Structure formats: structure tokens, C-alpha cells
Protein backbone atom coordinates (compact mmCIF):
# COMPACT_ATOMS: atom_id res chain seq x y z
CA MET A 1 78.01 105.60 71.68
CA PHE A 2 78.05 106.99 68.14
CA ALA A 3 75.55 104.35 66.95
CA ILE A 4 73.15 105.34 69.72
CA PHE A 5 73.53 108.99 68.76
CA ASP A 6 72.80 108.14 65.11
CA LYS A 7 69.57 106.32 66.07
CA LYS A 8 68.43 109.19 68.27
CA LEU A 9 69.29 111.69 65.56
CA LEU A 10 67.43 109.65 62.95
CA PHE A 11 64.37 109.46 65.23
CA PHE A 12 64.52 113.22 65.79
CA PHE A 13 64.68 113.96 62.06
CA CYS A 14 61.81 111.53 61.36
CA LEU A 15 59.76 113.27 64.03
CA LEU A 16 60.52 116.67 62.50
CA LEU A 17 59.65 115.37 59.05
CA GLY A 18 56.33 114.07 60.36
CA ILE A 19 55.54 117.41 61.97
CA GLY A 20 56.54 119.17 58.77
CA LEU A 21 54.27 116.97 56.69
CA LEU A 22 51.35 117.84 58.95
CA SER A 23 51.68 121.45 57.84
CA PHE A 24 50.80 120.34 54.30
CA VAL A 25 47.50 118.77 55.36
CA GLU A 26 44.42 120.74 54.35
CA ASN A 27 43.29 123.33 56.86
CA GLU A 28 39.67 124.21 57.73
CA GLN A 29 39.33 126.50 54.70
CA GLY A 30 40.46 123.73 52.36
CA SER A 31 43.86 125.27 51.64
CA SER A 32 46.75 122.84 51.49
CA SER A 33 49.50 125.32 50.71
CA PHE A 34 52.48 125.35 53.05
CA PHE A 35 52.90 129.04 52.17
CA ASP A 36 49.58 129.81 53.88
CA HIS A 37 51.27 129.11 57.22
CA ILE A 38 54.39 131.26 56.82
CA PRO A 39 54.20 134.74 58.34
CA CYS A 40 55.39 137.47 55.93
CA PRO A 41 55.40 141.24 55.91
CA SER A 42 52.57 142.72 53.85
CA ASP A 43 55.03 144.62 51.65
CA ASN A 44 56.96 141.44 50.78
CA PRO A 45 54.44 138.65 50.13
CA LEU A 46 55.66 135.09 49.67
CA THR A 47 55.21 133.86 46.10
CA GLU A 48 56.50 130.86 44.18
CA GLU A 49 58.35 133.25 41.85
CA GLY A 50 59.98 135.01 44.79
CA VAL A 51 61.05 131.70 46.32
CA ALA A 52 62.57 130.58 43.00
CA LEU A 53 64.45 133.88 42.71
CA GLY A 54 65.66 133.64 46.31
CA GLU A 55 66.88 130.10 45.78
CA ARG A 56 68.79 131.11 42.66
CA LEU A 57 70.39 134.08 44.40
CA PHE A 58 71.32 131.96 47.44
CA PHE A 59 73.39 129.60 45.29
CA ASP A 60 74.79 132.24 42.89
CA PRO A 61 78.25 133.75 43.55
CA ILE A 62 77.06 136.95 41.84
CA LEU A 63 76.18 138.15 45.35
CA SER A 64 79.88 138.38 46.28
CA GLY A 65 82.16 141.22 45.31
CA ASP A 66 84.42 139.11 43.10
CA ASN A 67 81.74 136.56 42.14
CA SER A 68 83.66 133.79 43.91
CA ILE A 69 81.33 132.73 46.74
CA SER A 70 77.62 132.42 47.32
CA CYS A 71 75.51 132.27 50.46
CA SER A 72 75.66 128.49 50.08
CA SER A 73 79.46 128.63 50.41
CA CYS A 74 78.96 128.92 54.19
CA HIS A 75 75.35 127.76 54.57
CA HIS A 76 75.63 124.15 53.37
CA GLN A 77 72.35 122.46 52.53
CA ASN A 78 73.55 119.06 53.77
CA VAL A 79 74.08 120.40 57.33
CA ALA A 80 70.85 122.38 57.85
CA PHE A 81 72.21 125.31 55.81
CA ALA A 82 74.93 125.81 58.43
CA ASP A 83 78.70 125.56 58.43
CA THR A 84 80.77 122.79 59.99
CA LEU A 85 83.63 125.19 60.70
CA VAL A 86 83.96 126.83 64.10
CA GLN A 87 84.61 130.09 62.25
CA SER A 88 83.25 130.45 58.73
CA VAL A 89 85.57 131.76 56.03
CA GLY A 90 84.40 134.56 53.75
CA ILE A 91 85.63 136.23 50.59
CA THR A 92 88.95 137.35 52.09
CA GLY A 93 89.91 133.82 53.18
CA LYS A 94 90.22 134.98 56.79
CA PRO A 95 88.23 133.21 59.53
CA LEU A 96 85.19 135.27 60.52
CA ALA A 97 84.19 136.06 64.11
CA ARG A 98 81.56 133.27 64.15
CA ASN A 99 80.33 130.35 62.15
CA ALA A 100 77.35 130.59 59.81
CA MET A 101 74.06 130.00 61.60
CA PRO A 102 71.78 127.23 60.38
CA LEU A 103 69.04 128.58 58.14
CA PHE A 104 65.75 126.89 58.79
CA ASN A 105 62.41 128.04 60.22
CA LEU A 106 63.61 131.65 60.09
CA ALA A 107 60.10 132.93 59.40
CA TRP A 108 59.17 131.91 62.94
CA THR A 109 62.08 133.35 64.90
CA ASN A 110 63.26 136.77 65.95
CA ILE A 111 66.83 135.59 66.60
CA LEU A 112 68.62 136.60 63.43
CA PHE A 113 72.43 136.33 63.54
CA TRP A 114 74.07 134.91 66.63
CA ASP A 115 73.92 138.33 68.30
CA GLY A 116 70.37 139.17 67.19
CA ARG A 117 71.40 142.32 65.28
CA ALA A 118 68.74 142.01 62.56
CA ASN A 119 65.02 142.28 63.22
CA SER A 120 63.73 140.75 59.98
CA LEU A 121 64.90 138.65 57.08
CA GLU A 122 64.70 141.72 54.86
CA GLU A 123 67.08 143.50 57.23
CA LEU A 124 69.36 140.46 57.55
CA VAL A 125 70.11 139.73 53.89
CA PRO A 126 72.19 142.81 52.94
CA ILE A 127 74.43 142.57 56.02
CA PRO A 128 76.60 139.57 55.00
CA ILE A 129 76.46 140.59 51.34
CA GLN A 130 77.99 144.00 52.14
CA ASN A 131 80.37 142.89 54.89
CA LYS A 132 83.92 143.26 53.52
CA ASP A 133 85.08 139.98 55.08
CA GLU A 134 81.98 137.89 54.32
CA MET A 135 80.84 138.55 50.74
CA GLY A 136 82.31 142.01 50.11
CA GLN A 137 79.70 143.18 47.60
CA ASP A 138 78.65 146.78 47.03
CA LEU A 139 74.85 146.77 46.64
CA ALA A 140 74.85 149.35 43.84
CA GLU A 141 77.35 147.20 41.92
CA LEU A 142 75.25 144.11 42.58
CA VAL A 143 72.14 145.79 41.14
CA LEU A 144 74.12 146.66 38.00
CA GLU A 145 75.33 143.06 37.66
CA LEU A 146 71.79 141.73 38.07
CA LYS A 147 70.45 144.21 35.50
CA ASP A 148 73.05 142.92 33.01
CA SER A 149 71.49 139.46 33.20
CA PRO A 150 68.31 139.11 31.09
CA SER A 151 67.31 136.00 33.05
CA TYR A 152 67.57 137.87 36.36
CA VAL A 153 65.62 140.80 34.92
CA ASN A 154 62.85 138.36 33.93
CA GLN A 155 62.91 136.60 37.30
CA PHE A 156 62.75 139.86 39.26
CA GLN A 157 59.86 140.99 37.03
CA ALA A 158 57.98 137.75 37.72
CA ALA A 159 58.67 137.90 41.46
CA PHE A 160 57.96 141.58 42.12
CA ASP A 161 55.89 142.69 39.13
CA GLU A 162 58.20 145.67 38.64
CA GLU A 163 60.36 146.62 35.68
CA GLU A 164 63.32 147.84 37.74
CA ILE A 165 65.66 145.73 39.88
CA THR A 166 66.36 147.58 43.11
């Protein structure tokens, strides 16, 4: 039974990979950028610098109140950026109400969090960061920590073309 499941799962992932690769094929205007196909708000355009900054922040425990966990502590890359636990465990060590949702194709969905409480990715991100049981970080304190890092200051400048981290 498990071997059959593995073969079906492998086929499914190969199919998804094939569909994903199609999105890199040149479109009618000659553009071959995957980013051309991702919907974004006009006030938060998708850039390579912004993606690099987001990736760094996702894996950096600086986002947690005591700098002990990162987003990737619950959203594991090897399982579709999800958690294998029934109830994820945050900064306090206590089981949370739910497990961490998988994080893929979020630009094309309006179901953010299991209960749908966020309407955009921009609205979603601060919620687990500030939640006392998830990451327990005060946003004002986080901004100060980021400002203390010259490399983050440079990365924010490159991503947002602004001097100030907010």
C-alpha cells in the first residue's frame, strides 16, 4: 500500500513540476520571467531584492522575541513549508491551536491561515510574529534589531529604495 502511495505521490509531484516549468516558458510578449505571472499589490511590487530579503527573514530567528525561532521553525521546506506536528509549537514551547499551514502558491489564494483571518500576505505576516505564543516579537523592537544590522539596512534599502526600515 505504501509503495503504491509513493508512486502516486511521485507522479503528482512530477506533474506539478511540469506545470510549474510551463510558467517559465516565454509568453506572447517575449517575457520569460516567472515574476510576471505573480499577482502583487501595486504598493508592494515583487522584486528580486525583495524576494532575497524575504527569504533571509523567513529563516532568521531575529523575527522572534528571544531570537530563538524563525518562520522556518514551523514551516519546514522539506514538507511544503508546513509542519508535521498536529499542533505546531511556538516560542513558549506550548502546543498552538493548529499546525502551521503549508506555504506555497499563496499569491493565488485568499485562504490565509486555517480560519481565513488575513486578507493579504501583507496582513498575514505580522500576526504570527506578534502572537505571544508563536513568535512573541514586538514589532517596534524588531525594527530596532533590524536597524542595528548593517546588512539588513542595506538589504531593506535595495528592496524598498528607502533609507528607513519600517
